[in-house]
Amino acid sequence: MKKLIKMLSIVALIVFPAVAFAQFTQTQTLITRVGDLIQLLIPITAGIALLVFFWGLAKFIMKAGDESEVANGKRLMTWGVIALFVLVTVWGLTEFIGRQLGIESRAIQPIPSFRR
């Protein structure tokens, strides 16, 4: 454990000044791309979490006589709400950190439509 801490300290002493003086020109590009990927994945996973919640709700309502299915529906609804909470939290933290670092946020563009 002491060797690991010593190695991490040496790496930190070497890397942190380079980052502070922006000697890594690709650092902001990397951070921006990771943020873009997270911004792309959040609506997809939020949709899946919402579907899980509604699937649990449907099981809860349709199988009202069977206690095990009702419990399964409650469990699915609970996990759906937890997943949505985590996703909104990650999205908020990503936006906050991006704004504090001065990184431009590229929000997902609306779905294109045909105009006549």
PDB file of N, CA and C in Angstrom:
ATOM      1  N   MET A   1       0.821  -1.194   0.000  1.00  0.00           N
ATOM      2  CA  MET A   1       0.000   0.000   0.000  1.00  0.00           C
ATOM      3  C   MET A   1       0.862   1.254   0.000  1.00  0.00           C
ATOM      4  N   LYS A   2       1.962   1.225   0.753  1.00  0.00           N
ATOM      5  CA  LYS A   2       2.841   2.385   0.804  1.00  0.00           C
ATOM      6  C   LYS A   2       3.507   2.626  -0.535  1.00  0.00           C
ATOM      7  N   LYS A   3       3.825   1.538  -1.252  1.00  0.00           N
ATOM      8  CA  LYS A   3       4.432   1.682  -2.575  1.00  0.00           C
ATOM      9  C   LYS A   3       3.454   2.342  -3.543  1.00  0.00           C
ATOM     10  N   LEU A   4       2.179   1.962  -3.447  1.00  0.00           N
ATOM     11  CA  LEU A   4       1.159   2.545  -4.314  1.00  0.00           C
ATOM     12  C   LEU A   4       1.007   4.038  -4.038  1.00  0.00           C
ATOM     13  N   ILE A   5       0.960   4.411  -2.786  1.00  0.00           N
ATOM     14  CA  ILE A   5       0.837   5.829  -2.425  1.00  0.00           C
ATOM     15  C   ILE A   5       2.061   6.602  -2.886  1.00  0.00           C
ATOM     16  N   LYS A   6       3.231   6.021  -2.727  1.00  0.00           N
ATOM     17  CA  LYS A   6       4.460   6.680  -3.170  1.00  0.00           C
ATOM     18  C   LYS A   6       4.460   6.858  -4.679  1.00  0.00           C
ATOM     19  N   MET A   7       4.033   5.834  -5.415  1.00  0.00           N
ATOM     20  CA  MET A   7       3.992   5.908  -6.875  1.00  0.00           C
ATOM     21  C   MET A   7       2.978   6.952  -7.333  1.00  0.00           C
ATOM     22  N   LEU A   8       1.801   6.974  -6.718  1.00  0.00           N
ATOM     23  CA  LEU A   8       0.792   7.969  -7.079  1.00  0.00           C
ATOM     24  C   LEU A   8       1.267   9.383  -6.759  1.00  0.00           C
ATOM     25  N   SER A   9       2.000   9.550  -5.678  1.00  0.00           N
ATOM     26  CA  SER A   9       2.538  10.867  -5.335  1.00  0.00           C
ATOM     27  C   SER A   9       3.542  11.336  -6.378  1.00  0.00           C
ATOM     28  N   ILE A  10       4.382  10.442  -6.836  1.00  0.00           N
ATOM     29  CA  ILE A  10       5.367  10.805  -7.864  1.00  0.00           C
ATOM     30  C   ILE A  10       4.659  11.169  -9.166  1.00  0.00           C
ATOM     31  N   VAL A  11       3.671  10.368  -9.552  1.00  0.00           N
ATOM     32  CA  VAL A  11       2.924  10.661 -10.782  1.00  0.00           C
ATOM     33  C   VAL A  11       2.209  12.002 -10.648  1.00  0.00           C
ATOM     34  N   ALA A  12       1.617  12.265  -9.489  1.00  0.00           N
ATOM     35  CA  ALA A  12       0.922  13.538  -9.281  1.00  0.00           C
ATOM     36  C   ALA A  12       1.884  14.717  -9.373  1.00  0.00           C
ATOM     37  N   LEU A  13       3.062  14.579  -8.810  1.00  0.00           N
ATOM     38  CA  LEU A  13       4.044  15.664  -8.876  1.00  0.00           C
ATOM     39  C   LEU A  13       4.500  15.931 -10.308  1.00  0.00           C
ATOM     40  N   ILE A  14       4.503  14.913 -11.123  1.00  0.00           N
ATOM     41  CA  ILE A  14       4.916  15.082 -12.512  1.00  0.00           C
ATOM     42  C   ILE A  14       3.772  15.612 -13.371  1.00  0.00           C
ATOM     43  N   VAL A  15       2.557  15.097 -13.171  1.00  0.00           N
ATOM     44  CA  VAL A  15       1.439  15.397 -14.073  1.00  0.00           C
ATOM     45  C   VAL A  15       0.717  16.696 -13.718  1.00  0.00           C
ATOM     46  N   PHE A  16       0.482  16.976 -12.464  1.00  0.00           N
ATOM     47  CA  PHE A  16      -0.327  18.125 -12.090  1.00  0.00           C
ATOM     48  C   PHE A  16       0.220  19.467 -12.575  1.00  0.00           C
ATOM     49  N   PRO A  17       1.520  19.730 -12.506  1.00  0.00           N
ATOM     50  CA  PRO A  17       1.990  20.999 -13.055  1.00  0.00           C
ATOM     51  C   PRO A  17       1.760  21.114 -14.558  1.00  0.00           C
ATOM     52  N   ALA A  18       1.882  20.005 -15.266  1.00  0.00           N
ATOM     53  CA  ALA A  18       1.646  20.042 -16.704  1.00  0.00           C
ATOM     54  C   ALA A  18       0.192  20.374 -17.013  1.00  0.00           C
ATOM     55  N   VAL A  19      -0.721  19.820 -16.234  1.00  0.00           N
ATOM     56  CA  VAL A  19      -2.129  20.126 -16.438  1.00  0.00           C
ATOM     57  C   VAL A  19      -2.419  21.570 -16.043  1.00  0.00           C
ATOM     58  N   ALA A  20      -1.812  22.032 -14.968  1.00  0.00           N
ATOM     59  CA  ALA A  20      -2.050  23.395 -14.507  1.00  0.00           C
ATOM     60  C   ALA A  20      -1.567  24.421 -15.522  1.00  0.00           C
ATOM     61  N   PHE A  21      -0.492  24.141 -16.199  1.00  0.00           N
ATOM     62  CA  PHE A  21       0.019  25.061 -17.205  1.00  0.00           C
ATOM     63  C   PHE A  21      -0.506  24.746 -18.594  1.00  0.00           C
ATOM     64  N   ALA A  22      -1.480  23.847 -18.674  1.00  0.00           N
ATOM     65  CA  ALA A  22      -2.152  23.477 -19.919  1.00  0.00           C
ATOM     66  C   ALA A  22      -1.170  22.997 -20.971  1.00  0.00           C
ATOM     67  N   GLN A  23      -0.211  22.201 -20.563  1.00  0.00           N
ATOM     68  CA  GLN A  23       0.731  21.663 -21.527  1.00  0.00           C
ATOM     69  C   GLN A  23       0.153  20.483 -22.275  1.00  0.00           C
ATOM     70  N   PHE A  24      -0.905  19.893 -21.748  1.00  0.00           N
ATOM     71  CA  PHE A  24      -1.605  18.856 -22.493  1.00  0.00           C
ATOM     72  C   PHE A  24      -2.667  19.546 -23.331  1.00  0.00           C
ATOM     73  N   THR A  25      -2.414  19.699 -24.612  1.00  0.00           N
ATOM     74  CA  THR A  25      -3.345  20.433 -25.473  1.00  0.00           C
ATOM     75  C   THR A  25      -4.627  19.650 -25.712  1.00  0.00           C
ATOM     76  N   GLN A  26      -4.593  18.353 -25.544  1.00  0.00           N
ATOM     77  CA  GLN A  26      -5.769  17.535 -25.798  1.00  0.00           C
ATOM     78  C   GLN A  26      -6.659  17.363 -24.569  1.00  0.00           C
ATOM     79  N   THR A  27      -6.269  17.916 -23.435  1.00  0.00           N
ATOM     80  CA  THR A  27      -7.025  17.708 -22.198  1.00  0.00           C
ATOM     81  C   THR A  27      -8.438  18.260 -22.311  1.00  0.00           C
ATOM     82  N   GLN A  28      -8.587  19.478 -22.787  1.00  0.00           N
ATOM     83  CA  GLN A  28      -9.922  20.065 -22.883  1.00  0.00           C
ATOM     84  C   GLN A  28     -10.751  19.333 -23.932  1.00  0.00           C
ATOM     85  N   THR A  29     -10.117  18.909 -25.020  1.00  0.00           N
ATOM     86  CA  THR A  29     -10.832  18.150 -26.030  1.00  0.00           C
ATOM     87  C   THR A  29     -11.324  16.828 -25.458  1.00  0.00           C
ATOM     88  N   LEU A  30     -10.484  16.159 -24.682  1.00  0.00           N
ATOM     89  CA  LEU A  30     -10.881  14.899 -24.059  1.00  0.00           C
ATOM     90  C   LEU A  30     -12.035  15.110 -23.088  1.00  0.00           C
ATOM     91  N   ILE A  31     -11.943  16.139 -22.265  1.00  0.00           N
ATOM     92  CA  ILE A  31     -13.012  16.426 -21.306  1.00  0.00           C
ATOM     93  C   ILE A  31     -14.307  16.745 -22.039  1.00  0.00           C
ATOM     94  N   THR A  32     -14.213  17.507 -23.116  1.00  0.00           N
ATOM     95  CA  THR A  32     -15.401  17.867 -23.892  1.00  0.00           C
ATOM     96  C   THR A  32     -16.026  16.634 -24.522  1.00  0.00           C
ATOM     97  N   ARG A  33     -15.208  15.745 -25.066  1.00  0.00           N
ATOM     98  CA  ARG A  33     -15.755  14.535 -25.692  1.00  0.00           C
ATOM     99  C   ARG A  33     -16.397  13.606 -24.674  1.00  0.00           C
ATOM    100  N   VAL A  34     -15.803  13.478 -23.512  1.00  0.00           N
ATOM    101  CA  VAL A  34     -16.409  12.652 -22.462  1.00  0.00           C
ATOM    102  C   VAL A  34     -17.748  13.268 -22.041  1.00  0.00           C
ATOM    103  N   GLY A  35     -17.782  14.577 -21.913  1.00  0.00           N
ATOM    104  CA  GLY A  35     -19.033  15.254 -21.580  1.00  0.00           C
ATOM    105  C   GLY A  35     -20.086  15.063 -22.651  1.00  0.00           C
ATOM    106  N   ASP A  36     -19.669  15.118 -23.925  1.00  0.00           N
ATOM    107  CA  ASP A  36     -20.611  14.890 -25.017  1.00  0.00           C
ATOM    108  C   ASP A  36     -21.162  13.469 -24.985  1.00  0.00           C
ATOM    109  N   LEU A  37     -20.297  12.514 -24.670  1.00  0.00           N
ATOM    110  CA  LEU A  37     -20.746  11.125 -24.580  1.00  0.00           C
ATOM    111  C   LEU A  37     -21.746  10.956 -23.443  1.00  0.00           C
ATOM    112  N   ILE A  38     -21.467  11.564 -22.316  1.00  0.00           N
ATOM    113  CA  ILE A  38     -22.394  11.483 -21.186  1.00  0.00           C
ATOM    114  C   ILE A  38     -23.716  12.150 -21.548  1.00  0.00           C
ATOM    115  N   GLN A  39     -23.649  13.294 -22.217  1.00  0.00           N
ATOM    116  CA  GLN A  39     -24.870  13.985 -22.623  1.00  0.00           C
ATOM    117  C   GLN A  39     -25.685  13.160 -23.606  1.00  0.00           C
ATOM    118  N   LEU A  40     -25.016  12.333 -24.406  1.00  0.00           N
ATOM    119  CA  LEU A  40     -25.720  11.468 -25.341  1.00  0.00           C
ATOM    120  C   LEU A  40     -26.340  10.266 -24.630  1.00  0.00           C
ATOM    121  N   LEU A  41     -25.645   9.716 -23.649  1.00  0.00           N
ATOM    122  CA  LEU A  41     -26.121   8.516 -22.968  1.00  0.00           C
ATOM    123  C   LEU A  41     -27.224   8.785 -21.954  1.00  0.00           C
ATOM    124  N   ILE A  42     -27.272   9.981 -21.411  1.00  0.00           N
ATOM    125  CA  ILE A  42     -28.265  10.279 -20.372  1.00  0.00           C
ATOM    126  C   ILE A  42     -29.709  10.146 -20.879  1.00  0.00           C
ATOM    127  N   PRO A  43     -30.093  10.721 -22.020  1.00  0.00           N
ATOM    128  CA  PRO A  43     -31.481  10.534 -22.461  1.00  0.00           C
ATOM    129  C   PRO A  43     -31.817   9.085 -22.798  1.00  0.00           C
ATOM    130  N   ILE A  44     -30.837   8.350 -23.331  1.00  0.00           N
ATOM    131  CA  ILE A  44     -31.089   6.951 -23.669  1.00  0.00           C
ATOM    132  C   ILE A  44     -31.338   6.137 -22.399  1.00  0.00           C
ATOM    133  N   THR A  45     -30.477   6.288 -21.417  1.00  0.00           N
ATOM    134  CA  THR A  45     -30.654   5.532 -20.177  1.00  0.00           C
ATOM    135  C   THR A  45     -31.860   6.031 -19.379  1.00  0.00           C
ATOM    136  N   ALA A  46     -32.173   7.312 -19.489  1.00  0.00           N
ATOM    137  CA  ALA A  46     -33.368   7.822 -18.815  1.00  0.00           C
ATOM    138  C   ALA A  46     -34.619   7.202 -19.432  1.00  0.00           C
ATOM    139  N   GLY A  47     -34.616   7.046 -20.733  1.00  0.00           N
ATOM    140  CA  GLY A  47     -35.743   6.383 -21.392  1.00  0.00           C
ATOM    141  C   GLY A  47     -35.887   4.945 -20.950  1.00  0.00           C
ATOM    142  N   ILE A  48     -34.769   4.245 -20.831  1.00  0.00           N
ATOM    143  CA  ILE A  48     -34.810   2.854 -20.367  1.00  0.00           C
ATOM    144  C   ILE A  48     -35.312   2.793 -18.925  1.00  0.00           C
ATOM    145  N   ALA A  49     -34.832   3.699 -18.076  1.00  0.00           N
ATOM    146  CA  ALA A  49     -35.277   3.723 -16.679  1.00  0.00           C
ATOM    147  C   ALA A  49     -36.770   4.029 -16.590  1.00  0.00           C
ATOM    148  N   LEU A  50     -37.250   4.918 -17.442  1.00  0.00           N
ATOM    149  CA  LEU A  50     -38.673   5.244 -17.452  1.00  0.00           C
ATOM    150  C   LEU A  50     -39.502   4.041 -17.901  1.00  0.00           C
ATOM    151  N   LEU A  51     -38.990   3.312 -18.906  1.00  0.00           N
ATOM    152  CA  LEU A  51     -39.684   2.105 -19.343  1.00  0.00           C
ATOM    153  C   LEU A  51     -39.724   1.053 -18.235  1.00  0.00           C
ATOM    154  N   VAL A  52     -38.641   0.902 -17.491  1.00  0.00           N
ATOM    155  CA  VAL A  52     -38.614  -0.043 -16.372  1.00  0.00           C
ATOM    156  C   VAL A  52     -39.646   0.369 -15.325  1.00  0.00           C
ATOM    157  N   PHE A  53     -39.718   1.658 -15.043  1.00  0.00           N
ATOM    158  CA  PHE A  53     -40.704   2.127 -14.069  1.00  0.00           C
ATOM    159  C   PHE A  53     -42.119   1.793 -14.526  1.00  0.00           C
ATOM    160  N   PHE A  54     -42.438   2.106 -15.785  1.00  0.00           N
ATOM    161  CA  PHE A  54     -43.791   1.848 -16.278  1.00  0.00           C
ATOM    162  C   PHE A  54     -44.080   0.352 -16.419  1.00  0.00           C
ATOM    163  N   TRP A  55     -43.058  -0.446 -16.720  1.00  0.00           N
ATOM    164  CA  TRP A  55     -43.246  -1.896 -16.760  1.00  0.00           C
ATOM    165  C   TRP A  55     -43.595  -2.398 -15.356  1.00  0.00           C
ATOM    166  N   GLY A  56     -42.901  -1.900 -14.354  1.00  0.00           N
ATOM    167  CA  GLY A  56     -43.218  -2.270 -12.975  1.00  0.00           C
ATOM    168  C   GLY A  56     -44.613  -1.817 -12.571  1.00  0.00           C
ATOM    169  N   LEU A  57     -45.004  -0.627 -13.022  1.00  0.00           N
ATOM    170  CA  LEU A  57     -46.347  -0.124 -12.731  1.00  0.00           C
ATOM    171  C   LEU A  57     -47.405  -1.003 -13.379  1.00  0.00           C
ATOM    172  N   ALA A  58     -47.154  -1.415 -14.617  1.00  0.00           N
ATOM    173  CA  ALA A  58     -48.105  -2.286 -15.308  1.00  0.00           C
ATOM    174  C   ALA A  58     -48.217  -3.633 -14.593  1.00  0.00           C
ATOM    175  N   LYS A  59     -47.091  -4.202 -14.167  1.00  0.00           N
ATOM    176  CA  LYS A  59     -47.131  -5.465 -13.441  1.00  0.00           C
ATOM    177  C   LYS A  59     -47.861  -5.294 -12.112  1.00  0.00           C
ATOM    178  N   PHE A  60     -47.640  -4.169 -11.458  1.00  0.00           N
ATOM    179  CA  PHE A  60     -48.276  -3.886 -10.169  1.00  0.00           C
ATOM    180  C   PHE A  60     -49.800  -3.832 -10.319  1.00  0.00           C
ATOM    181  N   ILE A  61     -50.258  -3.203 -11.383  1.00  0.00           N
ATOM    182  CA  ILE A  61     -51.708  -3.043 -11.584  1.00  0.00           C
ATOM    183  C   ILE A  61     -52.341  -4.321 -12.118  1.00  0.00           C
ATOM    184  N   MET A  62     -51.714  -4.930 -13.138  1.00  0.00           N
ATOM    185  CA  MET A  62     -52.336  -6.086 -13.797  1.00  0.00           C
ATOM    186  C   MET A  62     -52.314  -7.347 -12.941  1.00  0.00           C
ATOM    187  N   LYS A  63     -51.320  -7.510 -12.109  1.00  0.00           N
ATOM    188  CA  LYS A  63     -51.189  -8.716 -11.294  1.00  0.00           C
ATOM    189  C   LYS A  63     -51.525  -8.419  -9.833  1.00  0.00           C
ATOM    190  N   ALA A  64     -52.568  -7.640  -9.617  1.00  0.00           N
ATOM    191  CA  ALA A  64     -52.908  -7.195  -8.267  1.00  0.00           C
ATOM    192  C   ALA A  64     -53.249  -8.350  -7.323  1.00  0.00           C
ATOM    193  N   GLY A  65     -53.675  -9.494  -7.828  1.00  0.00           N
ATOM    194  CA  GLY A  65     -54.044 -10.605  -6.959  1.00  0.00           C
ATOM    195  C   GLY A  65     -52.858 -11.431  -6.490  1.00  0.00           C
ATOM    196  N   ASP A  66     -51.756 -11.405  -7.232  1.00  0.00           N
ATOM    197  CA  ASP A  66     -50.591 -12.230  -6.908  1.00  0.00           C
ATOM    198  C   ASP A  66     -49.574 -11.389  -6.136  1.00  0.00           C
ATOM    199  N   GLU A  67     -49.347 -11.754  -4.887  1.00  0.00           N
ATOM    200  CA  GLU A  67     -48.461 -10.963  -4.028  1.00  0.00           C
ATOM    201  C   GLU A  67     -47.022 -10.926  -4.526  1.00  0.00           C
ATOM    202  N   SER A  68     -46.514 -12.028  -5.084  1.00  0.00           N
ATOM    203  CA  SER A  68     -45.126 -12.041  -5.566  1.00  0.00           C
ATOM    204  C   SER A  68     -44.958 -11.131  -6.780  1.00  0.00           C
ATOM    205  N   GLU A  69     -45.961 -11.100  -7.674  1.00  0.00           N
ATOM    206  CA  GLU A  69     -45.889 -10.214  -8.840  1.00  0.00           C
ATOM    207  C   GLU A  69     -46.046  -8.746  -8.431  1.00  0.00           C
ATOM    208  N   VAL A  70     -46.869  -8.492  -7.422  1.00  0.00           N
ATOM    209  CA  VAL A  70     -47.024  -7.125  -6.909  1.00  0.00           C
ATOM    210  C   VAL A  70     -45.700  -6.655  -6.312  1.00  0.00           C
ATOM    211  N   ALA A  71     -45.041  -7.524  -5.564  1.00  0.00           N
ATOM    212  CA  ALA A  71     -43.742  -7.173  -4.983  1.00  0.00           C
ATOM    213  C   ALA A  71     -42.705  -6.961  -6.081  1.00  0.00           C
ATOM    214  N   ASN A  72     -42.753  -7.784  -7.120  1.00  0.00           N
ATOM    215  CA  ASN A  72     -41.835  -7.614  -8.250  1.00  0.00           C
ATOM    216  C   ASN A  72     -42.088  -6.281  -8.956  1.00  0.00           C
ATOM    217  N   GLY A  73     -43.356  -5.919  -9.121  1.00  0.00           N
ATOM    218  CA  GLY A  73     -43.699  -4.633  -9.731  1.00  0.00           C
ATOM    219  C   GLY A  73     -43.207  -3.461  -8.892  1.00  0.00           C
ATOM    220  N   LYS A  74     -43.369  -3.564  -7.577  1.00  0.00           N
ATOM    221  CA  LYS A  74     -42.871  -2.513  -6.680  1.00  0.00           C
ATOM    222  C   LYS A  74     -41.357  -2.377  -6.788  1.00  0.00           C
ATOM    223  N   ARG A  75     -40.679  -3.538  -6.860  1.00  0.00           N
ATOM    224  CA  ARG A  75     -39.221  -3.519  -6.969  1.00  0.00           C
ATOM    225  C   ARG A  75     -38.776  -2.846  -8.272  1.00  0.00           C
ATOM    226  N   LEU A  76     -39.453  -3.170  -9.377  1.00  0.00           N
ATOM    227  CA  LEU A  76     -39.109  -2.538 -10.652  1.00  0.00           C
ATOM    228  C   LEU A  76     -39.359  -1.025 -10.621  1.00  0.00           C
ATOM    229  N   MET A  77     -40.479  -0.630 -10.024  1.00  0.00           N
ATOM    230  CA  MET A  77     -40.760   0.807  -9.926  1.00  0.00           C
ATOM    231  C   MET A  77     -39.726   1.519  -9.072  1.00  0.00           C
ATOM    232  N   THR A  78     -39.320   0.894  -7.977  1.00  0.00           N
ATOM    233  CA  THR A  78     -38.315   1.494  -7.106  1.00  0.00           C
ATOM    234  C   THR A  78     -36.995   1.675  -7.839  1.00  0.00           C
ATOM    235  N   TRP A  79     -36.554   0.621  -8.543  1.00  0.00           N
ATOM    236  CA  TRP A  79     -35.289   0.734  -9.275  1.00  0.00           C
ATOM    237  C   TRP A  79     -35.384   1.737 -10.419  1.00  0.00           C
ATOM    238  N   GLY A  80     -36.542   1.852 -11.041  1.00  0.00           N
ATOM    239  CA  GLY A  80     -36.715   2.857 -12.093  1.00  0.00           C
ATOM    240  C   GLY A  80     -36.579   4.272 -11.551  1.00  0.00           C
ATOM    241  N   VAL A  81     -37.188   4.527 -10.389  1.00  0.00           N
ATOM    242  CA  VAL A  81     -37.085   5.854  -9.776  1.00  0.00           C
ATOM    243  C   VAL A  81     -35.653   6.129  -9.323  1.00  0.00           C
ATOM    244  N   ILE A  82     -34.980   5.127  -8.761  1.00  0.00           N
ATOM    245  CA  ILE A  82     -33.593   5.308  -8.339  1.00  0.00           C
ATOM    246  C   ILE A  82     -32.709   5.612  -9.545  1.00  0.00           C
ATOM    247  N   ALA A  83     -32.911   4.885 -10.642  1.00  0.00           N
ATOM    248  CA  ALA A  83     -32.113   5.120 -11.847  1.00  0.00           C
ATOM    249  C   ALA A  83     -32.347   6.530 -12.390  1.00  0.00           C
ATOM    250  N   LEU A  84     -33.591   6.983 -12.402  1.00  0.00           N
ATOM    251  CA  LEU A  84     -33.871   8.344 -12.875  1.00  0.00           C
ATOM    252  C   LEU A  84     -33.220   9.382 -11.971  1.00  0.00           C
ATOM    253  N   PHE A  85     -33.255   9.159 -10.666  1.00  0.00           N
ATOM    254  CA  PHE A  85     -32.621  10.086  -9.740  1.00  0.00           C
ATOM    255  C   PHE A  85     -31.115  10.162  -9.989  1.00  0.00           C
ATOM    256  N   VAL A  86     -30.480   9.001 -10.147  1.00  0.00           N
ATOM    257  CA  VAL A  86     -29.036   8.971 -10.393  1.00  0.00           C
ATOM    258  C   VAL A  86     -28.705   9.664 -11.715  1.00  0.00           C
ATOM    259  N   LEU A  87     -29.501   9.423 -12.735  1.00  0.00           N
ATOM    260  CA  LEU A  87     -29.240  10.041 -14.036  1.00  0.00           C
ATOM    261  C   LEU A  87     -29.365  11.563 -13.984  1.00  0.00           C
ATOM    262  N   VAL A  88     -30.387  12.044 -13.322  1.00  0.00           N
ATOM    263  CA  VAL A  88     -30.555  13.499 -13.210  1.00  0.00           C
ATOM    264  C   VAL A  88     -29.407  14.097 -12.394  1.00  0.00           C
ATOM    265  N   THR A  89     -28.968  13.390 -11.374  1.00  0.00           N
ATOM    266  CA  THR A  89     -27.849  13.862 -10.562  1.00  0.00           C
ATOM    267  C   THR A  89     -26.564  13.921 -11.372  1.00  0.00           C
ATOM    268  N   VAL A  90     -26.284  12.870 -12.142  1.00  0.00           N
ATOM    269  CA  VAL A  90     -25.088  12.857 -12.995  1.00  0.00           C
ATOM    270  C   VAL A  90     -25.155  13.978 -14.024  1.00  0.00           C
ATOM    271  N   TRP A  91     -26.318  14.175 -14.611  1.00  0.00           N
ATOM    272  CA  TRP A  91     -26.479  15.246 -15.595  1.00  0.00           C
ATOM    273  C   TRP A  91     -26.223  16.606 -14.944  1.00  0.00           C
ATOM    274  N   GLY A  92     -26.778  16.812 -13.766  1.00  0.00           N
ATOM    275  CA  GLY A  92     -26.583  18.091 -13.076  1.00  0.00           C
ATOM    276  C   GLY A  92     -25.124  18.323 -12.704  1.00  0.00           C
ATOM    277  N   LEU A  93     -24.468  17.291 -12.198  1.00  0.00           N
ATOM    278  CA  LEU A  93     -23.049  17.432 -11.852  1.00  0.00           C
ATOM    279  C   LEU A  93     -22.195  17.692 -13.093  1.00  0.00           C
ATOM    280  N   THR A  94     -22.508  17.023 -14.182  1.00  0.00           N
ATOM    281  CA  THR A  94     -21.768  17.236 -15.426  1.00  0.00           C
ATOM    282  C   THR A  94     -21.919  18.678 -15.896  1.00  0.00           C
ATOM    283  N   GLU A  95     -23.125  19.176 -15.872  1.00  0.00           N
ATOM    284  CA  GLU A  95     -23.362  20.561 -16.281  1.00  0.00           C
ATOM    285  C   GLU A  95     -22.644  21.539 -15.348  1.00  0.00           C
ATOM    286  N   PHE A  96     -22.735  21.297 -14.047  1.00  0.00           N
ATOM    287  CA  PHE A  96     -22.109  22.185 -13.079  1.00  0.00           C
ATOM    288  C   PHE A  96     -20.597  22.222 -13.251  1.00  0.00           C
ATOM    289  N   ILE A  97     -19.985  21.042 -13.337  1.00  0.00           N
ATOM    290  CA  ILE A  97     -18.528  20.979 -13.491  1.00  0.00           C
ATOM    291  C   ILE A  97     -18.099  21.599 -14.811  1.00  0.00           C
ATOM    292  N   GLY A  98     -18.856  21.335 -15.866  1.00  0.00           N
ATOM    293  CA  GLY A  98     -18.529  21.926 -17.162  1.00  0.00           C
ATOM    294  C   GLY A  98     -18.588  23.443 -17.136  1.00  0.00           C
ATOM    295  N   ARG A  99     -19.586  23.975 -16.488  1.00  0.00           N
ATOM    296  CA  ARG A  99     -19.696  25.442 -16.402  1.00  0.00           C
ATOM    297  C   ARG A  99     -18.585  26.035 -15.549  1.00  0.00           C
ATOM    298  N   GLN A 100     -18.225  25.339 -14.467  1.00  0.00           N
ATOM    299  CA  GLN A 100     -17.154  25.845 -13.607  1.00  0.00           C
ATOM    300  C   GLN A 100     -15.804  25.814 -14.313  1.00  0.00           C
ATOM    301  N   LEU A 101     -15.598  24.824 -15.184  1.00  0.00           N
ATOM    302  CA  LEU A 101     -14.344  24.734 -15.921  1.00  0.00           C
ATOM    303  C   LEU A 101     -14.358  25.563 -17.195  1.00  0.00           C
ATOM    304  N   GLY A 102     -15.501  26.141 -17.513  1.00  0.00           N
ATOM    305  CA  GLY A 102     -15.602  26.967 -18.708  1.00  0.00           C
ATOM    306  C   GLY A 102     -15.668  26.163 -19.987  1.00  0.00           C
ATOM    307  N   ILE A 103     -16.149  24.939 -19.895  1.00  0.00           N
ATOM    308  CA  ILE A 103     -16.255  24.085 -21.067  1.00  0.00           C
ATOM    309  C   ILE A 103     -17.634  24.272 -21.669  1.00  0.00           C
ATOM    310  N   GLU A 104     -17.658  24.473 -22.982  1.00  0.00           N
ATOM    311  CA  GLU A 104     -18.918  24.707 -23.667  1.00  0.00           C
ATOM    312  C   GLU A 104     -19.736  23.419 -23.696  1.00  0.00           C
ATOM    313  N   SER A 105     -20.993  23.518 -23.309  1.00  0.00           N
ATOM    314  CA  SER A 105     -21.875  22.354 -23.315  1.00  0.00           C
ATOM    315  C   SER A 105     -22.538  22.250 -24.674  1.00  0.00           C
ATOM    316  N   ARG A 106     -22.499  21.069 -25.214  1.00  0.00           N
ATOM    317  CA  ARG A 106     -23.165  20.832 -26.487  1.00  0.00           C
ATOM    318  C   ARG A 106     -24.389  19.975 -26.208  1.00  0.00           C
ATOM    319  N   ALA A 107     -25.498  20.634 -26.007  1.00  0.00           N
ATOM    320  CA  ALA A 107     -26.726  19.905 -25.714  1.00  0.00           C
ATOM    321  C   ALA A 107     -27.169  19.145 -26.956  1.00  0.00           C
ATOM    322  N   ILE A 108     -27.926  18.099 -26.737  1.00  0.00           N
ATOM    323  CA  ILE A 108     -28.410  17.294 -27.846  1.00  0.00           C
ATOM    324  C   ILE A 108     -29.396  18.124 -28.660  1.00  0.00           C
ATOM    325  N   GLN A 109     -29.213  18.093 -29.961  1.00  0.00           N
ATOM    326  CA  GLN A 109     -30.055  18.859 -30.857  1.00  0.00           C
ATOM    327  C   GLN A 109     -31.428  18.217 -30.949  1.00  0.00           C
ATOM    328  N   PRO A 110     -32.451  19.029 -31.207  1.00  0.00           N
ATOM    329  CA  PRO A 110     -33.796  18.443 -31.339  1.00  0.00           C
ATOM    330  C   PRO A 110     -33.878  17.554 -32.578  1.00  0.00           C
ATOM    331  N   ILE A 111     -34.870  16.700 -32.591  1.00  0.00           N
ATOM    332  CA  ILE A 111     -35.054  15.791 -33.718  1.00  0.00           C
ATOM    333  C   ILE A 111     -35.445  16.616 -34.942  1.00  0.00           C
ATOM    334  N   PRO A 112     -34.757  16.402 -36.073  1.00  0.00           N
ATOM    335  CA  PRO A 112     -35.095  17.167 -37.264  1.00  0.00           C
ATOM    336  C   PRO A 112     -36.481  16.794 -37.773  1.00  0.00           C
ATOM    337  N   SER A 113     -37.159  17.760 -38.328  1.00  0.00           N
ATOM    338  CA  SER A 113     -38.496  17.502 -38.868  1.00  0.00           C
ATOM    339  C   SER A 113     -38.604  18.108 -40.256  1.00  0.00           C
ATOM    340  N   PHE A 114     -39.566  17.622 -41.009  1.00  0.00           N
ATOM    341  CA  PHE A 114     -39.812  18.131 -42.351  1.00  0.00           C
ATOM    342  C   PHE A 114     -40.804  19.279 -42.270  1.00  0.00           C
ATOM    343  N   ARG A 115     -40.458  20.347 -42.944  1.00  0.00           N
ATOM    344  CA  ARG A 115     -41.383  21.500 -42.981  1.00  0.00           C
ATOM    345  C   ARG A 115     -41.865  21.677 -44.401  1.00  0.00           C
ATOM    346  N   ARG A 116     -43.122  21.995 -44.523  1.00  0.00           N
ATOM    347  CA  ARG A 116     -43.684  22.220 -45.871  1.00  0.00           C
ATOM    348  C   ARG A 116     -43.859  23.668 -46.131  1.00  0.00           C
TER     349      ARG A 116
END
